[in-house]
Protein backbone atom coordinates (compact mmCIF):
# COMPACT_ATOMS: atom_id res chain seq x y z
CA UNK A 1 12.00 18.59 18.80
CA UNK A 2 10.77 16.74 15.72
CA UNK A 3 13.26 14.89 13.54
CA UNK A 4 12.58 14.03 9.88
CA UNK A 5 13.44 10.40 9.07
CA UNK A 6 13.34 7.86 6.28
CA UNK A 7 12.35 4.19 6.60
CA UNK A 8 15.82 2.96 7.59
CA UNK A 9 16.24 5.66 10.24
CA UNK A 10 12.79 4.91 11.66
CA UNK A 11 13.53 1.20 11.93
CA UNK A 12 16.80 1.95 13.74
CA UNK A 13 15.08 4.34 16.15
CA UNK A 14 12.24 2.03 17.08
CA UNK A 15 14.57 -0.95 17.48
CA UNK A 16 17.02 0.87 19.75
CA UNK A 17 14.96 3.39 21.72
CA UNK A 18 13.97 2.83 25.32
CA UNK A 19 11.35 5.58 24.85
CA UNK A 20 8.12 5.54 22.89
CA UNK A 21 8.65 6.77 19.33
CA UNK A 22 5.79 8.71 17.73
CA UNK A 23 6.01 8.83 13.94
CA UNK A 24 3.81 11.20 11.96
CA UNK A 25 3.36 9.81 8.45
CA UNK A 26 2.49 12.85 6.31
CA UNK A 27 2.85 14.57 2.91
CA UNK A 28 3.39 18.21 1.96
CA UNK A 29 0.25 18.34 -0.23
CA UNK A 30 -2.02 17.10 2.59
CA UNK A 31 -4.07 19.89 4.22
CA UNK A 32 -4.81 18.03 7.49
CA UNK A 33 -1.10 17.11 7.69
CA UNK A 34 -0.13 20.79 7.47
CA UNK A 35 -2.72 21.65 10.13
CA UNK A 36 -1.37 18.95 12.45
CA UNK A 37 2.32 19.90 11.98
CA UNK A 38 2.50 22.79 14.49
CA UNK A 39 0.50 20.78 17.05
CA UNK A 40 2.83 17.78 16.66
CA UNK A 41 5.81 20.14 17.07
CA UNK A 42 4.35 21.71 20.23
CA UNK A 43 3.54 18.33 21.76
CA UNK A 44 7.07 17.11 20.94
CA UNK A 45 8.49 20.11 22.82
CA UNK A 46 6.25 19.40 25.82
CA UNK A 47 7.40 15.76 26.03
CA UNK A 48 11.04 16.42 25.12
CA UNK A 49 13.25 13.87 26.87
CA UNK A 50 10.30 11.58 27.64
CA UNK A 51 9.53 10.37 24.10
CA UNK A 52 10.85 10.69 20.55
CA UNK A 53 8.88 12.47 17.83
CA UNK A 54 9.65 11.95 14.15
CA UNK A 55 8.00 12.72 10.81
CA UNK A 56 8.15 10.72 7.62
CA UNK A 57 7.08 12.13 4.25
CA UNK A 58 5.27 9.25 2.57
CA UNK A 59 5.95 10.73 -0.87
CA UNK A 60 9.71 10.24 -0.53
CA UNK A 61 11.07 7.05 -2.05
CA UNK A 62 13.20 6.32 1.04
CA UNK A 63 10.00 6.26 3.13
CA UNK A 64 8.09 3.80 0.97
CA UNK A 65 9.22 0.60 2.76
CA UNK A 66 7.95 1.86 6.13
CA UNK A 67 4.68 3.16 4.69
CA UNK A 68 4.05 -0.27 3.19
CA UNK A 69 5.20 -2.19 6.27
CA UNK A 70 2.91 -0.21 8.61
CA UNK A 71 -0.06 -0.12 6.25
CA UNK A 72 -0.24 3.63 5.74
CA UNK A 73 -3.22 4.21 3.45
CA UNK A 74 -4.45 7.53 4.89
CA UNK A 75 -2.60 10.52 6.32
CA UNK A 76 -1.85 12.09 8.67
CA UNK A 77 -1.32 8.91 10.65
CA UNK A 78 0.70 8.95 13.86
CA UNK A 79 1.92 5.57 15.02
CA UNK A 80 3.28 4.98 18.52
CA UNK A 81 6.14 2.46 18.65
CA UNK A 82 7.16 0.90 21.95
CA UNK A 83 9.58 -1.95 22.49
CA UNK A 84 10.32 -2.06 18.77
CA UNK A 85 6.68 -2.58 17.73
CA UNK A 86 3.71 -0.43 16.78
CA UNK A 87 1.32 -0.26 19.75
CA UNK A 88 -1.28 2.32 18.69
CA UNK A 89 -2.13 4.82 15.98
CA UNK A 90 -4.00 8.07 15.61
CA UNK A 91 -5.49 8.73 12.17
CA UNK A 92 -6.40 12.17 10.86
CA UNK A 93 -6.20 15.68 12.26
CA UNK A 94 -6.82 16.04 16.00
CA UNK A 95 -6.67 19.01 18.38
CA UNK A 96 -3.72 19.31 20.73
CA UNK A 97 -5.57 17.94 23.78
CA UNK A 98 -6.45 14.76 21.89
CA UNK A 99 -2.87 14.31 20.65
CA UNK A 100 -1.52 14.84 24.17
CA UNK A 101 -3.95 12.22 25.52
CA UNK A 102 -2.74 9.80 22.80
CA UNK A 103 0.88 10.44 23.79
CA UNK A 104 0.17 10.03 27.52
CA UNK A 105 -1.72 6.78 26.91
CA UNK A 106 1.22 5.26 25.02
CA UNK A 107 4.23 6.40 27.05
């Protein structure tokens, strides 16, 4: 299940989670973001209990600090956080198999 978060909630999750946190930085006007959304949701269901999946709308003011901190200049951009730090990112739309490989690699 995907949870929608703001910058403060993301920081709390990545600091306190013993699981890898995958954050999809996106915006409602972004076509590739909308194409990736159902794939991200399906992958989150597949790895439920093994990792955390969250989305952050970069157009929301409460998300701005995280977008700046993690250098989000293009979307969709999925960042994997492990041990409180970003460890990898996946930029742009990808098919489900590629997203699953990204998740497996970073768990």
